[in-house]
Amino acid sequence: MELTPNFCLDVPEGFDDSDAETGVHPMARKLFPATTAAEAFKKAHEWVREQKIRLSDVSWDFFHDEDEPYCLSIYFTFELDPEET
């Protein structure tokens, strides 16, 4: 997997997360706003099946007075090819 500098996380100098048990585990979040809950799930399903990710968690929000008030958030980690790790 090629790293893109725009997707890197800056950490303070001297930051140490080398402890395997308590170390930092990068996670991403993607939002799926929709007009219905079913539509949000559909959008998420279509996106997830095309990605190499491991789904970690989901959450719901409802935004009053918005065109797409239902919002499904998925939290995930990227699955690296075993040969690249």
N, C-alpha and C. Protein backbone atom coordinates (compact mmCIF):
# COMPACT_ATOMS: atom_id res chain seq x y z
N MET A 1 0.85 -1.17 0.00
CA MET A 1 0.00 0.00 0.00
C MET A 1 0.89 1.23 0.00
N GLU A 2 0.71 2.10 -0.96
CA GLU A 2 1.49 3.34 -1.04
C GLU A 2 0.87 4.39 -0.14
N LEU A 3 1.69 5.04 0.68
CA LEU A 3 1.19 6.08 1.58
C LEU A 3 1.10 7.41 0.84
N THR A 4 0.02 8.11 1.06
CA THR A 4 -0.17 9.43 0.51
C THR A 4 0.07 10.44 1.63
N PRO A 5 0.98 11.40 1.45
CA PRO A 5 1.27 12.34 2.53
C PRO A 5 0.03 13.07 3.07
N ASN A 6 -0.97 13.29 2.24
CA ASN A 6 -2.17 13.99 2.68
C ASN A 6 -2.97 13.16 3.68
N PHE A 7 -2.73 11.88 3.77
CA PHE A 7 -3.47 11.00 4.66
C PHE A 7 -2.66 10.60 5.90
N CYS A 8 -1.56 11.28 6.15
CA CYS A 8 -0.72 10.95 7.28
C CYS A 8 -1.16 11.72 8.51
N LEU A 9 -0.88 11.17 9.65
CA LEU A 9 -1.22 11.78 10.93
C LEU A 9 0.04 12.37 11.54
N ASP A 10 0.00 13.65 11.88
CA ASP A 10 1.12 14.29 12.56
C ASP A 10 0.98 14.05 14.05
N VAL A 11 2.07 13.63 14.67
CA VAL A 11 2.06 13.39 16.12
C VAL A 11 3.17 14.21 16.76
N PRO A 12 3.02 14.52 18.03
CA PRO A 12 4.05 15.32 18.71
C PRO A 12 5.39 14.60 18.75
N GLU A 13 6.46 15.39 18.74
CA GLU A 13 7.80 14.82 18.82
C GLU A 13 7.93 14.05 20.13
N GLY A 14 8.51 12.87 20.06
CA GLY A 14 8.68 12.04 21.25
C GLY A 14 7.50 11.14 21.55
N PHE A 15 6.45 11.21 20.75
CA PHE A 15 5.27 10.36 20.97
C PHE A 15 5.66 8.91 20.79
N ASP A 16 5.27 8.06 21.73
CA ASP A 16 5.64 6.64 21.69
C ASP A 16 4.39 5.78 21.87
N ASP A 17 4.05 5.04 20.83
CA ASP A 17 2.92 4.11 20.92
C ASP A 17 3.38 2.69 20.67
N SER A 18 4.61 2.39 21.07
CA SER A 18 5.19 1.08 20.77
C SER A 18 4.62 -0.05 21.61
N ASP A 19 3.92 0.26 22.67
CA ASP A 19 3.33 -0.79 23.49
C ASP A 19 2.18 -1.44 22.72
N ALA A 20 2.31 -2.70 22.38
CA ALA A 20 1.31 -3.38 21.54
C ALA A 20 -0.08 -3.39 22.17
N GLU A 21 -0.15 -3.45 23.48
CA GLU A 21 -1.44 -3.55 24.16
C GLU A 21 -2.18 -2.21 24.22
N THR A 22 -1.44 -1.13 24.40
CA THR A 22 -2.08 0.18 24.55
C THR A 22 -1.75 1.14 23.42
N GLY A 23 -1.10 0.65 22.38
CA GLY A 23 -0.69 1.51 21.28
C GLY A 23 -1.86 2.12 20.51
N VAL A 24 -1.52 3.07 19.67
CA VAL A 24 -2.52 3.73 18.84
C VAL A 24 -2.88 2.82 17.68
N HIS A 25 -4.16 2.69 17.43
CA HIS A 25 -4.63 1.87 16.32
C HIS A 25 -5.43 2.77 15.38
N PRO A 26 -4.87 3.13 14.24
CA PRO A 26 -5.54 4.05 13.32
C PRO A 26 -6.90 3.53 12.88
N MET A 27 -7.87 4.41 12.87
CA MET A 27 -9.22 4.06 12.47
C MET A 27 -9.78 5.22 11.65
N ALA A 28 -10.62 4.90 10.69
CA ALA A 28 -11.25 5.93 9.87
C ALA A 28 -12.76 5.90 10.06
N ARG A 29 -13.40 6.99 9.67
CA ARG A 29 -14.86 7.10 9.76
C ARG A 29 -15.38 7.62 8.43
N LYS A 30 -16.48 7.05 7.98
CA LYS A 30 -17.14 7.51 6.76
C LYS A 30 -18.61 7.70 7.07
N LEU A 31 -19.17 8.80 6.58
CA LEU A 31 -20.57 9.14 6.82
C LEU A 31 -21.41 8.81 5.60
N PHE A 32 -22.61 8.30 5.85
CA PHE A 32 -23.57 7.99 4.79
C PHE A 32 -24.89 8.67 5.10
N PRO A 33 -25.04 9.95 4.69
CA PRO A 33 -26.31 10.65 4.92
C PRO A 33 -27.35 10.17 3.91
N ALA A 34 -28.63 10.16 4.32
CA ALA A 34 -29.69 9.67 3.43
C ALA A 34 -31.05 10.21 3.89
N THR A 35 -32.04 10.01 3.03
CA THR A 35 -33.40 10.45 3.36
C THR A 35 -34.13 9.43 4.21
N THR A 36 -33.69 8.16 4.17
CA THR A 36 -34.27 7.11 5.00
C THR A 36 -33.15 6.26 5.59
N ALA A 37 -33.46 5.54 6.66
CA ALA A 37 -32.48 4.64 7.26
C ALA A 37 -32.07 3.55 6.27
N ALA A 38 -33.05 3.03 5.54
CA ALA A 38 -32.75 1.97 4.56
C ALA A 38 -31.79 2.47 3.48
N GLU A 39 -31.97 3.70 3.05
CA GLU A 39 -31.08 4.26 2.03
C GLU A 39 -29.66 4.41 2.57
N ALA A 40 -29.53 4.80 3.83
CA ALA A 40 -28.20 4.92 4.43
C ALA A 40 -27.49 3.57 4.46
N PHE A 41 -28.22 2.51 4.85
CA PHE A 41 -27.64 1.17 4.84
C PHE A 41 -27.25 0.75 3.43
N LYS A 42 -28.07 1.07 2.46
CA LYS A 42 -27.78 0.70 1.06
C LYS A 42 -26.50 1.38 0.59
N LYS A 43 -26.38 2.69 0.87
CA LYS A 43 -25.17 3.41 0.48
C LYS A 43 -23.94 2.80 1.14
N ALA A 44 -24.04 2.51 2.44
CA ALA A 44 -22.91 1.94 3.15
C ALA A 44 -22.55 0.56 2.60
N HIS A 45 -23.56 -0.26 2.36
CA HIS A 45 -23.32 -1.61 1.82
C HIS A 45 -22.59 -1.54 0.49
N GLU A 46 -23.04 -0.67 -0.39
CA GLU A 46 -22.41 -0.55 -1.72
C GLU A 46 -20.96 -0.09 -1.61
N TRP A 47 -20.69 0.83 -0.70
CA TRP A 47 -19.33 1.33 -0.55
C TRP A 47 -18.43 0.28 0.09
N VAL A 48 -18.91 -0.36 1.16
CA VAL A 48 -18.09 -1.32 1.90
C VAL A 48 -17.70 -2.52 1.05
N ARG A 49 -18.62 -3.01 0.23
CA ARG A 49 -18.29 -4.22 -0.55
C ARG A 49 -17.18 -3.97 -1.58
N GLU A 50 -16.91 -2.71 -1.90
CA GLU A 50 -15.86 -2.38 -2.87
C GLU A 50 -14.50 -2.09 -2.20
N GLN A 51 -14.47 -2.11 -0.88
CA GLN A 51 -13.26 -1.71 -0.15
C GLN A 51 -12.60 -2.89 0.53
N LYS A 52 -11.31 -2.74 0.80
CA LYS A 52 -10.57 -3.72 1.61
C LYS A 52 -10.45 -3.13 3.01
N ILE A 53 -11.51 -3.29 3.78
CA ILE A 53 -11.54 -2.72 5.13
C ILE A 53 -12.08 -3.75 6.11
N ARG A 54 -11.85 -3.47 7.37
CA ARG A 54 -12.44 -4.27 8.45
C ARG A 54 -13.34 -3.33 9.24
N LEU A 55 -14.63 -3.60 9.21
CA LEU A 55 -15.61 -2.78 9.91
C LEU A 55 -15.43 -2.94 11.41
N SER A 56 -15.33 -1.82 12.13
CA SER A 56 -15.10 -1.86 13.57
C SER A 56 -16.32 -1.49 14.38
N ASP A 57 -17.10 -0.51 13.89
CA ASP A 57 -18.25 -0.04 14.65
C ASP A 57 -19.15 0.78 13.73
N VAL A 58 -20.36 1.01 14.18
CA VAL A 58 -21.31 1.87 13.46
C VAL A 58 -22.02 2.76 14.47
N SER A 59 -22.53 3.89 13.99
CA SER A 59 -23.35 4.74 14.84
C SER A 59 -24.37 5.48 13.97
N TRP A 60 -25.43 5.93 14.62
CA TRP A 60 -26.51 6.64 13.95
C TRP A 60 -26.62 8.06 14.46
N ASP A 61 -26.99 8.95 13.55
CA ASP A 61 -27.35 10.31 13.91
C ASP A 61 -28.61 10.68 13.13
N PHE A 62 -29.37 11.58 13.68
CA PHE A 62 -30.52 12.14 12.97
C PHE A 62 -30.41 13.64 13.06
N PHE A 63 -30.28 14.28 11.90
CA PHE A 63 -30.09 15.72 11.83
C PHE A 63 -31.39 16.39 11.44
N HIS A 64 -32.04 16.99 12.38
CA HIS A 64 -33.31 17.68 12.13
C HIS A 64 -33.10 18.82 11.13
N ASP A 65 -34.12 19.08 10.32
CA ASP A 65 -34.11 20.18 9.35
C ASP A 65 -33.03 20.05 8.28
N GLU A 66 -32.61 18.84 7.96
CA GLU A 66 -31.65 18.60 6.88
C GLU A 66 -32.33 17.83 5.76
N ASP A 67 -31.84 17.97 4.54
CA ASP A 67 -32.41 17.24 3.40
C ASP A 67 -32.22 15.74 3.54
N GLU A 68 -31.09 15.35 4.11
CA GLU A 68 -30.80 13.93 4.37
C GLU A 68 -30.53 13.77 5.87
N PRO A 69 -31.60 13.63 6.65
CA PRO A 69 -31.44 13.65 8.11
C PRO A 69 -30.85 12.38 8.73
N TYR A 70 -31.00 11.24 8.07
CA TYR A 70 -30.45 9.99 8.61
C TYR A 70 -28.98 9.90 8.23
N CYS A 71 -28.15 9.59 9.20
CA CYS A 71 -26.72 9.49 8.91
C CYS A 71 -26.14 8.27 9.62
N LEU A 72 -25.71 7.32 8.83
CA LEU A 72 -25.03 6.14 9.34
C LEU A 72 -23.53 6.40 9.24
N SER A 73 -22.83 6.26 10.34
CA SER A 73 -21.37 6.40 10.35
C SER A 73 -20.78 5.02 10.53
N ILE A 74 -19.78 4.72 9.72
CA ILE A 74 -19.05 3.46 9.93
C ILE A 74 -17.62 3.79 10.31
N TYR A 75 -17.09 3.02 11.22
CA TYR A 75 -15.71 3.15 11.66
C TYR A 75 -14.99 1.89 11.20
N PHE A 76 -13.82 2.09 10.60
CA PHE A 76 -13.14 0.94 10.00
C PHE A 76 -11.63 1.12 10.02
N THR A 77 -10.95 0.00 9.81
CA THR A 77 -9.51 0.00 9.60
C THR A 77 -9.26 -0.58 8.22
N PHE A 78 -8.14 -0.20 7.66
CA PHE A 78 -7.79 -0.70 6.33
C PHE A 78 -7.15 -2.07 6.44
N GLU A 79 -7.55 -2.96 5.56
CA GLU A 79 -6.97 -4.30 5.52
C GLU A 79 -5.77 -4.25 4.57
N LEU A 80 -4.60 -4.51 5.10
CA LEU A 80 -3.40 -4.54 4.26
C LEU A 80 -3.21 -5.96 3.74
N ASP A 81 -2.64 -6.04 2.54
CA ASP A 81 -2.30 -7.35 2.01
C ASP A 81 -1.24 -7.97 2.91
N PRO A 82 -1.34 -9.28 3.23
CA PRO A 82 -0.35 -9.92 4.11
C PRO A 82 1.08 -9.74 3.61
N GLU A 83 1.27 -9.66 2.30
CA GLU A 83 2.60 -9.50 1.74
C GLU A 83 3.17 -8.11 2.03
N GLU A 84 2.32 -7.13 2.33
CA GLU A 84 2.79 -5.77 2.57
C GLU A 84 3.06 -5.48 4.03
N THR A 85 2.71 -6.40 4.94
CA THR A 85 2.91 -6.14 6.37
C THR A 85 4.19 -6.73 6.88
